[in-house]
Amino acid sequence: MRVEQLNEQGWAKTYLLIDEDSNDVCLIDPVYDFTQRYLDLIDDGGFRLKFAIATHTHADHITGCFSLMEETGCEYIMWETTSCMGVSKYVNADSSLEFANQLISFHHVPGHTADSMIVEAGGHIFTGDFLFTGSGGVGRDDLPSGRMKDHWESLSVLGKFSGDVVVHTGHEPPGTVMQTLQWNRENNPILKMESWTQYRDWQEDSVKQLGSVSKIKVALPANIFAEIPEVIPWLE
């Protein structure tokens, strides 16, 4: 299985998983803005899109999952408790998907959102906004369904993974190199914290620095109701 990060613009990351034996592919956290690019890549490569997976309900961009499902017939996959409509297959900790002669599995990590999950495939984990690379820490917990205490407690889930798995995160500055979990254990400030109060203080400071989420009033309803709005301001 080969993993590629597709988005050349912005901080949101989309991952393409490729089964080089069958030419089946899987997209994790596709962004609606780049849907045609994904479709062109799939067509040009002679690929078949089997799964479009959203690691959580995004508030800062419209997911490409339901559009890709409509265009290709792939499965649109999210955690079973999500509020998002249009999902064709719900997963939980007992679920697995066959891909590239191995299994894709799922781990619930509520906190950033109630439906956040880690997607595990081979020696890779895809963490969405649950965990970022190094000093990026983790995603903010002040958005709809977010809970700081839940996020802090969910960090224990990382203990089940080997340090040599590669962590692929949902948002990073362009050019960021993805690192192993062990590297993150040594360089991510959140993973070195010893108390809930440390985490709470970090989150509160982070939210003050980040400010409001500019796209939330358009992106969140679109993702929940699986509908593309007539006007998408940032694409005008």
Protein backbone atom coordinates (compact mmCIF):
# COMPACT_ATOMS: atom_id res chain seq x y z
CA MET A 1 0.00 0.00 0.00
CA ARG A 2 1.25 3.45 -0.95
CA VAL A 3 0.18 6.68 0.78
CA GLU A 4 0.20 10.11 -0.87
CA GLN A 5 -0.87 13.54 0.42
CA LEU A 6 -2.78 15.27 -2.39
CA ASN A 7 -3.55 18.87 -1.52
CA GLU A 8 -1.09 21.43 -2.82
CA GLN A 9 -2.98 24.40 -1.37
CA GLY A 10 -4.02 25.27 2.16
CA TRP A 11 -3.47 23.48 5.45
CA ALA A 12 -6.13 20.76 5.13
CA LYS A 13 -4.62 17.38 4.28
CA THR A 14 -6.15 14.67 2.09
CA TYR A 15 -4.58 11.23 1.82
CA LEU A 16 -4.75 8.77 -1.05
CA LEU A 17 -4.18 5.11 -0.21
CA ILE A 18 -3.26 3.04 -3.24
CA ASP A 19 -3.42 -0.73 -3.64
CA GLU A 20 -0.79 -1.17 -6.34
CA ASP A 21 -1.91 -4.74 -7.07
CA SER A 22 -5.56 -4.00 -7.81
CA ASN A 23 -5.48 -0.21 -8.47
CA ASP A 24 -8.16 0.24 -5.81
CA VAL A 25 -7.80 3.49 -3.89
CA CYS A 26 -9.16 5.09 -0.73
CA LEU A 27 -9.39 8.81 0.08
CA ILE A 28 -9.18 10.05 3.66
CA ASP A 29 -10.55 13.53 4.41
CA PRO A 30 -11.09 14.74 0.84
CA VAL A 31 -11.85 18.47 0.52
CA TYR A 32 -14.79 19.46 -1.69
CA ASP A 33 -12.84 22.34 -3.27
CA PHE A 34 -10.49 19.83 -4.95
CA THR A 35 -13.05 17.18 -5.94
CA GLN A 36 -12.41 17.49 -9.66
CA ARG A 37 -8.67 17.12 -9.11
CA TYR A 38 -9.28 13.89 -7.21
CA LEU A 39 -11.58 12.58 -9.95
CA ASP A 40 -9.05 13.46 -12.64
CA LEU A 41 -6.27 11.72 -10.70
CA ILE A 42 -8.41 8.62 -10.27
CA ASP A 43 -9.32 8.57 -13.96
CA ASP A 44 -5.79 9.25 -15.19
CA GLY A 45 -4.35 6.54 -12.96
CA GLY A 46 -6.93 3.95 -13.93
CA PHE A 47 -7.93 3.68 -10.29
CA ARG A 48 -11.20 2.58 -8.67
CA LEU A 49 -12.26 4.58 -5.61
CA LYS A 50 -13.57 2.14 -3.01
CA PHE A 51 -13.82 4.32 0.10
CA ALA A 52 -14.08 8.02 0.96
CA ILE A 53 -13.51 8.39 4.70
CA ALA A 54 -14.06 11.44 6.91
CA THR A 55 -12.17 11.27 10.21
CA HIS A 56 -14.69 13.66 11.79
CA THR A 57 -17.29 16.34 11.04
CA HIS A 58 -15.22 19.17 9.58
CA ALA A 59 -16.00 22.76 10.53
CA ASP A 60 -13.42 24.53 8.37
CA HIS A 61 -14.09 23.00 4.97
CA ILE A 62 -16.76 21.06 3.10
CA THR A 63 -16.00 17.37 2.87
CA GLY A 64 -15.68 15.85 -0.58
CA CYS A 65 -16.98 12.48 0.63
CA PHE A 66 -20.63 12.71 -0.36
CA SER A 67 -19.84 14.29 -3.74
CA LEU A 68 -17.31 11.56 -4.50
CA MET A 69 -19.84 8.90 -3.51
CA GLU A 70 -22.35 10.39 -5.94
CA GLU A 71 -19.76 10.56 -8.74
CA THR A 72 -18.10 7.16 -8.30
CA GLY A 73 -20.38 4.94 -6.23
CA CYS A 74 -17.75 4.54 -3.51
CA GLU A 75 -18.66 4.06 0.14
CA TYR A 76 -18.81 7.21 2.30
CA ILE A 77 -17.55 6.19 5.75
CA MET A 78 -17.78 7.86 9.17
CA TRP A 79 -17.92 6.87 12.83
CA GLU A 80 -21.30 5.42 13.81
CA THR A 81 -22.36 8.28 16.13
CA THR A 82 -21.84 11.06 13.60
CA SER A 83 -24.67 13.52 12.97
CA CYS A 84 -23.70 13.77 9.29
CA MET A 85 -26.27 12.64 6.78
CA GLY A 86 -25.52 10.92 3.49
CA VAL A 87 -23.05 8.45 5.02
CA SER A 88 -23.34 5.05 3.35
CA LYS A 89 -21.35 2.99 5.87
CA TYR A 90 -20.94 3.62 9.59
CA VAL A 91 -18.02 2.09 11.47
CA ASN A 92 -17.04 1.41 15.07
CA ALA A 93 -14.22 -0.26 16.97
CA ASP A 94 -15.34 -3.69 15.73
CA SER A 95 -15.42 -2.67 12.07
CA SER A 96 -12.77 -3.33 9.47
CA LEU A 97 -12.47 -2.82 5.74
CA GLU A 98 -10.42 -5.02 3.43
CA PHE A 99 -7.95 -3.01 1.42
CA ALA A 100 -4.59 -3.80 -0.18
CA ASN A 101 -4.49 -7.30 1.37
CA GLN A 102 -4.84 -5.89 4.86
CA LEU A 103 -7.48 -4.37 7.10
CA ILE A 104 -8.38 -0.75 7.73
CA SER A 105 -9.57 -0.36 11.32
CA PHE A 106 -11.04 2.45 13.38
CA HIS A 107 -10.52 3.89 16.86
CA HIS A 108 -12.91 6.35 18.49
CA VAL A 109 -11.16 9.44 19.89
CA PRO A 110 -13.84 12.00 20.82
CA GLY A 111 -12.76 15.46 21.87
CA HIS A 112 -12.18 17.69 18.86
CA THR A 113 -15.62 16.43 17.80
CA ALA A 114 -17.81 13.70 19.26
CA ASP A 115 -17.35 11.58 16.12
CA SER A 116 -13.56 11.91 15.76
CA MET A 117 -11.75 8.70 14.93
CA ILE A 118 -8.28 7.45 14.06
CA VAL A 119 -8.09 5.41 10.87
CA GLU A 120 -5.42 2.69 11.03
CA ALA A 121 -4.04 1.08 7.87
CA GLY A 122 -0.86 -0.98 7.91
CA GLY A 123 1.93 1.03 9.48
CA HIS A 124 -0.02 4.29 9.21
CA ILE A 125 -2.54 6.11 11.39
CA PHE A 126 -4.66 8.99 10.12
CA THR A 127 -5.59 11.20 13.04
CA GLY A 128 -7.65 14.01 11.52
CA ASP A 129 -7.65 16.92 13.99
CA PHE A 130 -7.24 14.69 17.04
CA LEU A 131 -3.44 14.92 16.84
CA PHE A 132 -1.16 17.23 14.87
CA THR A 133 2.57 17.01 14.17
CA GLY A 134 5.05 18.14 16.84
CA SER A 135 4.46 21.65 18.15
CA GLY A 136 1.05 21.76 16.43
CA GLY A 137 -0.31 19.79 19.37
CA VAL A 138 -3.93 18.87 18.74
CA GLY A 139 -7.06 20.38 17.21
CA ARG A 140 -9.21 22.89 19.07
CA ASP A 141 -12.05 21.62 21.26
CA ASP A 142 -14.34 24.67 21.26
CA LEU A 143 -16.34 23.75 18.13
CA PRO A 144 -19.78 22.02 18.01
CA SER A 145 -19.68 18.65 19.86
CA GLY A 146 -16.10 19.32 21.02
CA ARG A 147 -15.19 18.49 24.63
CA MET A 148 -11.79 19.23 26.18
CA LYS A 149 -11.99 16.56 28.88
CA ASP A 150 -12.99 13.93 26.33
CA HIS A 151 -10.02 14.86 24.13
CA TRP A 152 -7.60 14.62 27.06
CA GLU A 153 -8.95 11.20 28.00
CA SER A 154 -8.91 9.99 24.38
CA LEU A 155 -5.15 10.55 24.18
CA SER A 156 -4.76 7.24 26.04
CA VAL A 157 -5.88 5.46 22.84
CA LEU A 158 -2.49 6.28 21.34
CA GLY A 159 -0.95 3.83 23.79
CA LYS A 160 -2.17 0.91 21.68
CA PHE A 161 0.00 1.90 18.70
CA SER A 162 3.64 1.10 18.09
CA GLY A 163 6.00 4.04 18.07
CA ASP A 164 7.04 3.33 14.49
CA VAL A 165 3.62 3.95 12.92
CA VAL A 166 3.56 7.07 10.75
CA VAL A 167 1.11 9.74 11.92
CA HIS A 168 -0.78 11.47 9.10
CA THR A 169 -2.61 14.50 10.44
CA GLY A 170 -5.56 16.55 9.22
CA HIS A 171 -4.00 20.02 9.15
CA GLU A 172 -0.43 21.23 8.86
CA PRO A 173 1.48 24.11 7.26
CA PRO A 174 2.44 23.35 3.65
CA GLY A 175 5.62 21.32 3.45
CA THR A 176 5.25 19.65 6.85
CA VAL A 177 6.85 16.20 6.92
CA MET A 178 4.76 13.55 8.65
CA GLN A 179 6.57 11.77 11.47
CA THR A 180 6.31 8.58 13.49
CA LEU A 181 4.28 8.34 16.67
CA GLN A 182 7.49 7.95 18.67
CA TRP A 183 8.81 11.21 17.20
CA ASN A 184 5.56 12.87 18.22
CA ARG A 185 5.79 11.43 21.70
CA GLU A 186 9.12 13.20 22.00
CA ASN A 187 8.19 16.44 20.20
CA ASN A 188 4.46 17.07 20.60
CA PRO A 189 3.86 19.11 23.78
CA ILE A 190 0.45 17.52 24.39
CA LEU A 191 1.90 14.01 24.53
CA LYS A 192 4.35 15.10 27.23
CA MET A 193 1.70 16.62 29.51
CA GLU A 194 1.07 15.00 32.86
CA SER A 195 -2.22 16.59 33.93
CA TRP A 196 -5.65 17.60 32.71
CA THR A 197 -5.08 21.18 33.92
CA GLN A 198 -2.01 21.50 31.68
CA TYR A 199 -4.08 20.38 28.72
CA ARG A 200 -6.98 22.69 29.59
CA ASP A 201 -4.67 25.70 29.86
CA TRP A 202 -3.02 24.85 26.52
CA GLN A 203 -6.42 24.58 24.79
CA GLU A 204 -7.64 27.87 26.21
CA ASP A 205 -4.48 29.67 25.11
CA SER A 206 -4.63 28.03 21.67
CA VAL A 207 -8.23 29.10 21.07
CA LYS A 208 -7.39 32.70 21.95
CA GLN A 209 -4.60 32.67 19.37
CA LEU A 210 -6.65 30.98 16.65
CA GLY A 211 -9.77 33.13 16.90
CA SER A 212 -12.99 32.30 15.03
CA VAL A 213 -13.39 29.68 12.29
CA SER A 214 -14.22 31.72 9.20
CA LYS A 215 -15.85 28.95 7.12
CA ILE A 216 -17.92 27.26 9.83
CA LYS A 217 -21.30 28.81 8.96
CA VAL A 218 -21.10 27.38 5.45
CA ALA A 219 -19.02 24.23 5.95
CA LEU A 220 -20.71 22.74 9.00
CA PRO A 221 -24.30 22.70 7.66
CA ALA A 222 -23.05 21.39 4.31
CA ASN A 223 -21.29 18.49 6.02
CA ILE A 224 -24.15 17.66 8.36
CA PHE A 225 -26.86 17.72 5.69
CA ALA A 226 -24.68 16.39 2.82
CA GLU A 227 -25.69 19.28 0.60
CA ILE A 228 -23.51 21.61 -1.44
CA PRO A 229 -24.71 25.20 -0.88
CA GLU A 230 -25.60 27.37 -3.85
CA VAL A 231 -22.92 29.85 -2.86
CA ILE A 232 -19.53 28.88 -1.41
CA PRO A 233 -17.93 32.25 -0.62
CA TRP A 234 -14.29 31.13 -0.75
CA LEU A 235 -14.78 29.60 -4.21
CA GLU A 236 -16.46 32.66 -5.71
